[in-house]
Amino acid sequence: NRTVALGGISYDRLSLVESMGFGGAA
C-alpha cells in the first residue's frame, strides 16, 4: 500500500493499477 505505480498510467487504467495491488498511481 506504500507503492505507487508510475509509467503509462492513464485514467482508464486506475482501477487496473489498484487491482494489481498498488497503493496508488502517479
mmCIF file of all heavy atoms, coordinates in Angstrom:
data_MODEL
# 
_entry.id   MODEL 
# 
loop_
_atom_site.group_PDB 
_atom_site.id 
_atom_site.type_symbol 
_atom_site.label_atom_id 
_atom_site.label_alt_id 
_atom_site.label_comp_id 
_atom_site.label_asym_id 
_atom_site.label_entity_id 
_atom_site.label_seq_id 
_atom_site.pdbx_PDB_ins_code 
_atom_site.Cartn_x 
_atom_site.Cartn_y 
_atom_site.Cartn_z 
_atom_site.occupancy 
_atom_site.B_iso_or_equiv 
_atom_site.pdbx_formal_charge 
_atom_site.auth_seq_id 
_atom_site.auth_comp_id 
_atom_site.auth_asym_id 
_atom_site.auth_atom_id 
_atom_site.pdbx_PDB_model_num 
ATOM 1   N N   . ASN A 1 1  ? 0.806   -1.222 0.000   1.00 0.00 ? 1  ASN A N   1 
ATOM 2   C CA  . ASN A 1 1  ? 0.000   0.000  0.000   1.00 0.00 ? 1  ASN A CA  1 
ATOM 3   C C   . ASN A 1 1  ? 0.840   1.273  0.000   1.00 0.00 ? 1  ASN A C   1 
ATOM 4   O O   . ASN A 1 1  ? 0.308   2.354  -0.174  1.00 0.00 ? 1  ASN A O   1 
ATOM 5   C CB  . ASN A 1 1  ? -0.977  0.005  1.188   1.00 0.00 ? 1  ASN A CB  1 
ATOM 6   C CG  . ASN A 1 1  ? -0.271  0.011  2.524   1.00 0.00 ? 1  ASN A CG  1 
ATOM 7   O OD1 . ASN A 1 1  ? 0.947   -0.160 2.607   1.00 0.00 ? 1  ASN A OD1 1 
ATOM 8   N ND2 . ASN A 1 1  ? -1.032  0.187  3.584   1.00 0.00 ? 1  ASN A ND2 1 
ATOM 9   N N   . ARG A 1 2  ? 2.147   1.160  0.148   1.00 0.00 ? 2  ARG A N   1 
ATOM 10  C CA  . ARG A 1 2  ? 3.033   2.326  0.048   1.00 0.00 ? 2  ARG A CA  1 
ATOM 11  C C   . ARG A 1 2  ? 3.691   2.424  -1.318  1.00 0.00 ? 2  ARG A C   1 
ATOM 12  O O   . ARG A 1 2  ? 4.520   3.294  -1.546  1.00 0.00 ? 2  ARG A O   1 
ATOM 13  C CB  . ARG A 1 2  ? 4.130   2.248  1.107   1.00 0.00 ? 2  ARG A CB  1 
ATOM 14  C CG  . ARG A 1 2  ? 3.637   2.374  2.527   1.00 0.00 ? 2  ARG A CG  1 
ATOM 15  C CD  . ARG A 1 2  ? 4.787   2.278  3.494   1.00 0.00 ? 2  ARG A CD  1 
ATOM 16  N NE  . ARG A 1 2  ? 5.984   1.899  2.759   1.00 0.00 ? 2  ARG A NE  1 
ATOM 17  C CZ  . ARG A 1 2  ? 7.221   1.942  3.197   1.00 0.00 ? 2  ARG A CZ  1 
ATOM 18  N NH1 . ARG A 1 2  ? 7.476   2.308  4.373   1.00 0.00 ? 2  ARG A NH1 1 
ATOM 19  N NH2 . ARG A 1 2  ? 8.237   1.580  2.463   1.00 0.00 ? 2  ARG A NH2 1 
ATOM 20  N N   . THR A 1 3  ? 3.346   1.518  -2.246  1.00 0.00 ? 3  THR A N   1 
ATOM 21  C CA  . THR A 1 3  ? 3.949   1.508  -3.581  1.00 0.00 ? 3  THR A CA  1 
ATOM 22  C C   . THR A 1 3  ? 3.010   2.162  -4.578  1.00 0.00 ? 3  THR A C   1 
ATOM 23  O O   . THR A 1 3  ? 1.840   1.782  -4.693  1.00 0.00 ? 3  THR A O   1 
ATOM 24  C CB  . THR A 1 3  ? 4.256   0.067  -4.032  1.00 0.00 ? 3  THR A CB  1 
ATOM 25  O OG1 . THR A 1 3  ? 4.954   -0.622 -2.992  1.00 0.00 ? 3  THR A OG1 1 
ATOM 26  C CG2 . THR A 1 3  ? 5.090   0.074  -5.302  1.00 0.00 ? 3  THR A CG2 1 
ATOM 27  N N   . VAL A 1 4  ? 3.541   3.142  -5.300  1.00 0.00 ? 4  VAL A N   1 
ATOM 28  C CA  . VAL A 1 4  ? 2.772   3.904  -6.277  1.00 0.00 ? 4  VAL A CA  1 
ATOM 29  C C   . VAL A 1 4  ? 3.269   3.544  -7.672  1.00 0.00 ? 4  VAL A C   1 
ATOM 30  O O   . VAL A 1 4  ? 4.469   3.653  -7.969  1.00 0.00 ? 4  VAL A O   1 
ATOM 31  C CB  . VAL A 1 4  ? 2.934   5.425  -6.017  1.00 0.00 ? 4  VAL A CB  1 
ATOM 32  C CG1 . VAL A 1 4  ? 2.253   6.242  -7.104  1.00 0.00 ? 4  VAL A CG1 1 
ATOM 33  C CG2 . VAL A 1 4  ? 2.389   5.783  -4.639  1.00 0.00 ? 4  VAL A CG2 1 
ATOM 34  N N   . ALA A 1 5  ? 2.354   3.098  -8.533  1.00 0.00 ? 5  ALA A N   1 
ATOM 35  C CA  . ALA A 1 5  ? 2.691   2.742  -9.911  1.00 0.00 ? 5  ALA A CA  1 
ATOM 36  C C   . ALA A 1 5  ? 2.914   4.007  -10.728 1.00 0.00 ? 5  ALA A C   1 
ATOM 37  O O   . ALA A 1 5  ? 2.174   4.983  -10.598 1.00 0.00 ? 5  ALA A O   1 
ATOM 38  C CB  . ALA A 1 5  ? 1.562   1.921  -10.523 1.00 0.00 ? 5  ALA A CB  1 
ATOM 39  N N   . LEU A 1 6  ? 3.919   3.980  -11.585 1.00 0.00 ? 6  LEU A N   1 
ATOM 40  C CA  . LEU A 1 6  ? 4.251   5.114  -12.451 1.00 0.00 ? 6  LEU A CA  1 
ATOM 41  C C   . LEU A 1 6  ? 4.662   4.571  -13.811 1.00 0.00 ? 6  LEU A C   1 
ATOM 42  O O   . LEU A 1 6  ? 5.250   3.509  -13.905 1.00 0.00 ? 6  LEU A O   1 
ATOM 43  C CB  . LEU A 1 6  ? 5.397   5.918  -11.814 1.00 0.00 ? 6  LEU A CB  1 
ATOM 44  C CG  . LEU A 1 6  ? 6.019   7.052  -12.622 1.00 0.00 ? 6  LEU A CG  1 
ATOM 45  C CD1 . LEU A 1 6  ? 4.999   8.140  -12.923 1.00 0.00 ? 6  LEU A CD1 1 
ATOM 46  C CD2 . LEU A 1 6  ? 7.206   7.637  -11.856 1.00 0.00 ? 6  LEU A CD2 1 
ATOM 47  N N   . GLY A 1 7  ? 4.354   5.319  -14.846 1.00 0.00 ? 7  GLY A N   1 
ATOM 48  C CA  . GLY A 1 7  ? 4.740   4.926  -16.199 1.00 0.00 ? 7  GLY A CA  1 
ATOM 49  C C   . GLY A 1 7  ? 3.556   4.385  -16.972 1.00 0.00 ? 7  GLY A C   1 
ATOM 50  O O   . GLY A 1 7  ? 3.082   3.299  -16.687 1.00 0.00 ? 7  GLY A O   1 
ATOM 51  N N   . GLY A 1 8  ? 3.056   5.202  -17.897 1.00 0.00 ? 8  GLY A N   1 
ATOM 52  C CA  . GLY A 1 8  ? 1.944   4.775  -18.737 1.00 0.00 ? 8  GLY A CA  1 
ATOM 53  C C   . GLY A 1 8  ? 0.610   4.722  -18.021 1.00 0.00 ? 8  GLY A C   1 
ATOM 54  O O   . GLY A 1 8  ? -0.336  4.101  -18.498 1.00 0.00 ? 8  GLY A O   1 
ATOM 55  N N   . ILE A 1 9  ? 0.514   5.384  -16.892 1.00 0.00 ? 9  ILE A N   1 
ATOM 56  C CA  . ILE A 1 9  ? -0.739  5.377  -16.133 1.00 0.00 ? 9  ILE A CA  1 
ATOM 57  C C   . ILE A 1 9  ? -1.700  6.377  -16.773 1.00 0.00 ? 9  ILE A C   1 
ATOM 58  O O   . ILE A 1 9  ? -1.369  7.536  -16.967 1.00 0.00 ? 9  ILE A O   1 
ATOM 59  C CB  . ILE A 1 9  ? -0.519  5.760  -14.650 1.00 0.00 ? 9  ILE A CB  1 
ATOM 60  C CG1 . ILE A 1 9  ? 0.581   4.912  -14.007 1.00 0.00 ? 9  ILE A CG1 1 
ATOM 61  C CG2 . ILE A 1 9  ? -1.828  5.666  -13.877 1.00 0.00 ? 9  ILE A CG2 1 
ATOM 62  C CD1 . ILE A 1 9  ? 0.313   3.439  -13.940 1.00 0.00 ? 9  ILE A CD1 1 
ATOM 63  N N   . SER A 1 10 ? -2.876  5.892  -17.090 1.00 0.00 ? 10 SER A N   1 
ATOM 64  C CA  . SER A 1 10 ? -3.921  6.737  -17.655 1.00 0.00 ? 10 SER A CA  1 
ATOM 65  C C   . SER A 1 10 ? -5.161  6.615  -16.778 1.00 0.00 ? 10 SER A C   1 
ATOM 66  O O   . SER A 1 10 ? -5.245  5.716  -15.941 1.00 0.00 ? 10 SER A O   1 
ATOM 67  C CB  . SER A 1 10 ? -4.238  6.307  -19.098 1.00 0.00 ? 10 SER A CB  1 
ATOM 68  O OG  . SER A 1 10 ? -4.623  4.944  -19.124 1.00 0.00 ? 10 SER A OG  1 
ATOM 69  N N   . TYR A 1 11 ? -6.104  7.524  -16.988 1.00 0.00 ? 11 TYR A N   1 
ATOM 70  C CA  . TYR A 1 11 ? -7.329  7.480  -16.183 1.00 0.00 ? 11 TYR A CA  1 
ATOM 71  C C   . TYR A 1 11 ? -8.032  6.134  -16.300 1.00 0.00 ? 11 TYR A C   1 
ATOM 72  O O   . TYR A 1 11 ? -8.542  5.610  -15.317 1.00 0.00 ? 11 TYR A O   1 
ATOM 73  C CB  . TYR A 1 11 ? -8.278  8.613  -16.585 1.00 0.00 ? 11 TYR A CB  1 
ATOM 74  C CG  . TYR A 1 11 ? -7.776  9.973  -16.179 1.00 0.00 ? 11 TYR A CG  1 
ATOM 75  C CD1 . TYR A 1 11 ? -7.274  10.856 -17.123 1.00 0.00 ? 11 TYR A CD1 1 
ATOM 76  C CD2 . TYR A 1 11 ? -7.795  10.377 -14.837 1.00 0.00 ? 11 TYR A CD2 1 
ATOM 77  C CE1 . TYR A 1 11 ? -6.802  12.111 -16.749 1.00 0.00 ? 11 TYR A CE1 1 
ATOM 78  C CE2 . TYR A 1 11 ? -7.327  11.613 -14.463 1.00 0.00 ? 11 TYR A CE2 1 
ATOM 79  C CZ  . TYR A 1 11 ? -6.835  12.487 -15.419 1.00 0.00 ? 11 TYR A CZ  1 
ATOM 80  O OH  . TYR A 1 11 ? -6.363  13.712 -15.043 1.00 0.00 ? 11 TYR A OH  1 
ATOM 81  N N   . ASP A 1 12 ? -8.021  5.557  -17.508 1.00 0.00 ? 12 ASP A N   1 
ATOM 82  C CA  . ASP A 1 12 ? -8.736  4.296  -17.694 1.00 0.00 ? 12 ASP A CA  1 
ATOM 83  C C   . ASP A 1 12 ? -7.984  3.097  -17.109 1.00 0.00 ? 12 ASP A C   1 
ATOM 84  O O   . ASP A 1 12 ? -8.515  1.994  -17.066 1.00 0.00 ? 12 ASP A O   1 
ATOM 85  C CB  . ASP A 1 12 ? -9.084  4.061  -19.167 1.00 0.00 ? 12 ASP A CB  1 
ATOM 86  C CG  . ASP A 1 12 ? -7.890  3.971  -20.093 1.00 0.00 ? 12 ASP A CG  1 
ATOM 87  O OD1 . ASP A 1 12 ? -6.756  4.303  -19.675 1.00 0.00 ? 12 ASP A OD1 1 
ATOM 88  O OD2 . ASP A 1 12 ? -8.081  3.556  -21.257 1.00 0.00 ? 12 ASP A OD2 1 
ATOM 89  N N   . ARG A 1 13 ? -6.769  3.290  -16.630 1.00 0.00 ? 13 ARG A N   1 
ATOM 90  C CA  . ARG A 1 13 ? -6.008  2.198  -16.011 1.00 0.00 ? 13 ARG A CA  1 
ATOM 91  C C   . ARG A 1 13 ? -5.987  2.273  -14.488 1.00 0.00 ? 13 ARG A C   1 
ATOM 92  O O   . ARG A 1 13 ? -5.401  1.408  -13.838 1.00 0.00 ? 13 ARG A O   1 
ATOM 93  C CB  . ARG A 1 13 ? -4.567  2.206  -16.525 1.00 0.00 ? 13 ARG A CB  1 
ATOM 94  C CG  . ARG A 1 13 ? -4.431  1.709  -17.943 1.00 0.00 ? 13 ARG A CG  1 
ATOM 95  C CD  . ARG A 1 13 ? -2.978  1.640  -18.327 1.00 0.00 ? 13 ARG A CD  1 
ATOM 96  N NE  . ARG A 1 13 ? -2.812  0.927  -19.583 1.00 0.00 ? 13 ARG A NE  1 
ATOM 97  C CZ  . ARG A 1 13 ? -1.835  1.152  -20.441 1.00 0.00 ? 13 ARG A CZ  1 
ATOM 98  N NH1 . ARG A 1 13 ? -0.911  2.052  -20.173 1.00 0.00 ? 13 ARG A NH1 1 
ATOM 99  N NH2 . ARG A 1 13 ? -1.767  0.462  -21.557 1.00 0.00 ? 13 ARG A NH2 1 
ATOM 100 N N   . LEU A 1 14 ? -6.589  3.286  -13.886 1.00 0.00 ? 14 LEU A N   1 
ATOM 101 C CA  . LEU A 1 14 ? -6.521  3.444  -12.432 1.00 0.00 ? 14 LEU A CA  1 
ATOM 102 C C   . LEU A 1 14 ? -7.091  2.247  -11.682 1.00 0.00 ? 14 LEU A C   1 
ATOM 103 O O   . LEU A 1 14 ? -6.484  1.761  -10.722 1.00 0.00 ? 14 LEU A O   1 
ATOM 104 C CB  . LEU A 1 14 ? -7.204  4.737  -11.992 1.00 0.00 ? 14 LEU A CB  1 
ATOM 105 C CG  . LEU A 1 14 ? -6.486  6.033  -12.390 1.00 0.00 ? 14 LEU A CG  1 
ATOM 106 C CD1 . LEU A 1 14 ? -7.315  7.246  -11.983 1.00 0.00 ? 14 LEU A CD1 1 
ATOM 107 C CD2 . LEU A 1 14 ? -5.093  6.097  -11.778 1.00 0.00 ? 14 LEU A CD2 1 
ATOM 108 N N   . SER A 1 15 ? -8.227  1.747  -12.118 1.00 0.00 ? 15 SER A N   1 
ATOM 109 C CA  . SER A 1 15 ? -8.835  0.581  -11.447 1.00 0.00 ? 15 SER A CA  1 
ATOM 110 C C   . SER A 1 15 ? -7.957  -0.650 -11.605 1.00 0.00 ? 15 SER A C   1 
ATOM 111 O O   . SER A 1 15 ? -7.804  -1.436 -10.661 1.00 0.00 ? 15 SER A O   1 
ATOM 112 C CB  . SER A 1 15 ? -10.224 0.298  -12.011 1.00 0.00 ? 15 SER A CB  1 
ATOM 113 O OG  . SER A 1 15 ? -11.091 1.348  -11.681 1.00 0.00 ? 15 SER A OG  1 
ATOM 114 N N   . LEU A 1 16 ? -7.358  -0.814 -12.781 1.00 0.00 ? 16 LEU A N   1 
ATOM 115 C CA  . LEU A 1 16 ? -6.456  -1.938 -13.017 1.00 0.00 ? 16 LEU A CA  1 
ATOM 116 C C   . LEU A 1 16 ? -5.250  -1.852 -12.080 1.00 0.00 ? 16 LEU A C   1 
ATOM 117 O O   . LEU A 1 16 ? -4.863  -2.838 -11.448 1.00 0.00 ? 16 LEU A O   1 
ATOM 118 C CB  . LEU A 1 16 ? -5.989  -1.952 -14.476 1.00 0.00 ? 16 LEU A CB  1 
ATOM 119 C CG  . LEU A 1 16 ? -4.889  -2.957 -14.827 1.00 0.00 ? 16 LEU A CG  1 
ATOM 120 C CD1 . LEU A 1 16 ? -5.340  -4.390 -14.564 1.00 0.00 ? 16 LEU A CD1 1 
ATOM 121 C CD2 . LEU A 1 16 ? -4.454  -2.759 -16.277 1.00 0.00 ? 16 LEU A CD2 1 
ATOM 122 N N   . VAL A 1 17 ? -4.654  -0.668 -11.977 1.00 0.00 ? 17 VAL A N   1 
ATOM 123 C CA  . VAL A 1 17 ? -3.491  -0.476 -11.109 1.00 0.00 ? 17 VAL A CA  1 
ATOM 124 C C   . VAL A 1 17 ? -3.845  -0.817 -9.660  1.00 0.00 ? 17 VAL A C   1 
ATOM 125 O O   . VAL A 1 17 ? -3.092  -1.506 -8.972  1.00 0.00 ? 17 VAL A O   1 
ATOM 126 C CB  . VAL A 1 17 ? -2.955  0.973  -11.229 1.00 0.00 ? 17 VAL A CB  1 
ATOM 127 C CG1 . VAL A 1 17 ? -1.936  1.294  -10.149 1.00 0.00 ? 17 VAL A CG1 1 
ATOM 128 C CG2 . VAL A 1 17 ? -2.360  1.200  -12.616 1.00 0.00 ? 17 VAL A CG2 1 
ATOM 129 N N   . GLU A 1 18 ? -5.000  -0.362 -9.212  1.00 0.00 ? 18 GLU A N   1 
ATOM 130 C CA  . GLU A 1 18 ? -5.433  -0.668 -7.849  1.00 0.00 ? 18 GLU A CA  1 
ATOM 131 C C   . GLU A 1 18 ? -5.627  -2.174 -7.667  1.00 0.00 ? 18 GLU A C   1 
ATOM 132 O O   . GLU A 1 18 ? -5.199  -2.748 -6.665  1.00 0.00 ? 18 GLU A O   1 
ATOM 133 C CB  . GLU A 1 18 ? -6.715  0.086  -7.508  1.00 0.00 ? 18 GLU A CB  1 
ATOM 134 C CG  . GLU A 1 18 ? -7.121  -0.072 -6.068  1.00 0.00 ? 18 GLU A CG  1 
ATOM 135 C CD  . GLU A 1 18 ? -8.324  0.773  -5.686  1.00 0.00 ? 18 GLU A CD  1 
ATOM 136 O OE1 . GLU A 1 18 ? -9.037  1.268  -6.578  1.00 0.00 ? 18 GLU A OE1 1 
ATOM 137 O OE2 . GLU A 1 18 ? -8.546  0.920  -4.476  1.00 0.00 ? 18 GLU A OE2 1 
ATOM 138 N N   . SER A 1 19 ? -6.236  -2.833 -8.659  1.00 0.00 ? 19 SER A N   1 
ATOM 139 C CA  . SER A 1 19 ? -6.472  -4.271 -8.558  1.00 0.00 ? 19 SER A CA  1 
ATOM 140 C C   . SER A 1 19 ? -5.174  -5.074 -8.611  1.00 0.00 ? 19 SER A C   1 
ATOM 141 O O   . SER A 1 19 ? -5.117  -6.204 -8.140  1.00 0.00 ? 19 SER A O   1 
ATOM 142 C CB  . SER A 1 19 ? -7.430  -4.745 -9.658  1.00 0.00 ? 19 SER A CB  1 
ATOM 143 O OG  . SER A 1 19 ? -6.780  -4.741 -10.921 1.00 0.00 ? 19 SER A OG  1 
ATOM 144 N N   . MET A 1 20 ? -4.114  -4.472 -9.147  1.00 0.00 ? 20 MET A N   1 
ATOM 145 C CA  . MET A 1 20 ? -2.806  -5.134 -9.218  1.00 0.00 ? 20 MET A CA  1 
ATOM 146 C C   . MET A 1 20 ? -2.102  -5.146 -7.857  1.00 0.00 ? 20 MET A C   1 
ATOM 147 O O   . MET A 1 20 ? -1.087  -5.819 -7.695  1.00 0.00 ? 20 MET A O   1 
ATOM 148 C CB  . MET A 1 20 ? -1.919  -4.439 -10.255 1.00 0.00 ? 20 MET A CB  1 
ATOM 149 C CG  . MET A 1 20 ? -2.395  -4.600 -11.685 1.00 0.00 ? 20 MET A CG  1 
ATOM 150 S SD  . MET A 1 20 ? -1.524  -3.486 -12.828 1.00 0.00 ? 20 MET A SD  1 
ATOM 151 C CE  . MET A 1 20 ? 0.067   -4.290 -12.964 1.00 0.00 ? 20 MET A CE  1 
ATOM 152 N N   . GLY A 1 21 ? -2.614  -4.379 -6.889  1.00 0.00 ? 21 GLY A N   1 
ATOM 153 C CA  . GLY A 1 21 ? -2.018  -4.385 -5.558  1.00 0.00 ? 21 GLY A CA  1 
ATOM 154 C C   . GLY A 1 21 ? -1.237  -3.136 -5.197  1.00 0.00 ? 21 GLY A C   1 
ATOM 155 O O   . GLY A 1 21 ? -0.651  -3.066 -4.114  1.00 0.00 ? 21 GLY A O   1 
ATOM 156 N N   . PHE A 1 22 ? -1.222  -2.147 -6.080  1.00 0.00 ? 22 PHE A N   1 
ATOM 157 C CA  . PHE A 1 22 ? -0.529  -0.897 -5.779  1.00 0.00 ? 22 PHE A CA  1 
ATOM 158 C C   . PHE A 1 22 ? -1.368  -0.030 -4.846  1.00 0.00 ? 22 PHE A C   1 
ATOM 159 O O   . PHE A 1 22 ? -2.586  -0.059 -4.883  1.00 0.00 ? 22 PHE A O   1 
ATOM 160 C CB  . PHE A 1 22 ? -0.242  -0.122 -7.072  1.00 0.00 ? 22 PHE A CB  1 
ATOM 161 C CG  . PHE A 1 22 ? 0.856   -0.725 -7.910  1.00 0.00 ? 22 PHE A CG  1 
ATOM 162 C CD1 . PHE A 1 22 ? 0.560   -1.614 -8.928  1.00 0.00 ? 22 PHE A CD1 1 
ATOM 163 C CD2 . PHE A 1 22 ? 2.182   -0.403 -7.673  1.00 0.00 ? 22 PHE A CD2 1 
ATOM 164 C CE1 . PHE A 1 22 ? 1.562   -2.173 -9.699  1.00 0.00 ? 22 PHE A CE1 1 
ATOM 165 C CE2 . PHE A 1 22 ? 3.194   -0.958 -8.434  1.00 0.00 ? 22 PHE A CE2 1 
ATOM 166 C CZ  . PHE A 1 22 ? 2.883   -1.850 -9.451  1.00 0.00 ? 22 PHE A CZ  1 
ATOM 167 N N   . GLY A 1 23 ? -0.698  0.768  -4.044  1.00 0.00 ? 23 GLY A N   1 
ATOM 168 C CA  . GLY A 1 23 ? -1.380  1.678  -3.127  1.00 0.00 ? 23 GLY A CA  1 
ATOM 169 C C   . GLY A 1 23 ? -1.676  3.030  -3.740  1.00 0.00 ? 23 GLY A C   1 
ATOM 170 O O   . GLY A 1 23 ? -2.261  3.894  -3.082  1.00 0.00 ? 23 GLY A O   1 
ATOM 171 N N   . GLY A 1 24 ? -1.287  3.212  -4.992  1.00 0.00 ? 24 GLY A N   1 
ATOM 172 C CA  . GLY A 1 24 ? -1.552  4.471  -5.672  1.00 0.00 ? 24 GLY A CA  1 
ATOM 173 C C   . GLY A 1 24 ? -1.021  4.457  -7.089  1.00 0.00 ? 24 GLY A C   1 
ATOM 174 O O   . GLY A 1 24 ? -0.404  3.483  -7.533  1.00 0.00 ? 24 GLY A O   1 
ATOM 175 N N   . ALA A 1 25 ? -1.287  5.559  -7.778  1.00 0.00 ? 25 ALA A N   1 
ATOM 176 C CA  . ALA A 1 25 ? -0.836  5.716  -9.156  1.00 0.00 ? 25 ALA A CA  1 
ATOM 177 C C   . ALA A 1 25 ? -0.384  7.153  -9.364  1.00 0.00 ? 25 ALA A C   1 
ATOM 178 O O   . ALA A 1 25 ? -1.030  8.090  -8.889  1.00 0.00 ? 25 ALA A O   1 
ATOM 179 C CB  . ALA A 1 25 ? -1.962  5.377  -10.127 1.00 0.00 ? 25 ALA A CB  1 
ATOM 180 N N   . ALA A 1 26 ? 0.730   7.305  -10.070 1.00 0.00 ? 26 ALA A N   1 
ATOM 181 C CA  . ALA A 1 26 ? 1.250   8.628  -10.421 1.00 0.00 ? 26 ALA A CA  1 
ATOM 182 C C   . ALA A 1 26 ? 1.117   8.796  -11.926 1.00 0.00 ? 26 ALA A C   1 
ATOM 183 O O   . ALA A 1 26 ? 1.485   7.915  -12.700 1.00 0.00 ? 26 ALA A O   1 
ATOM 184 C CB  . ALA A 1 26 ? 2.705   8.766  -9.991  1.00 0.00 ? 26 ALA A CB  1 
# 
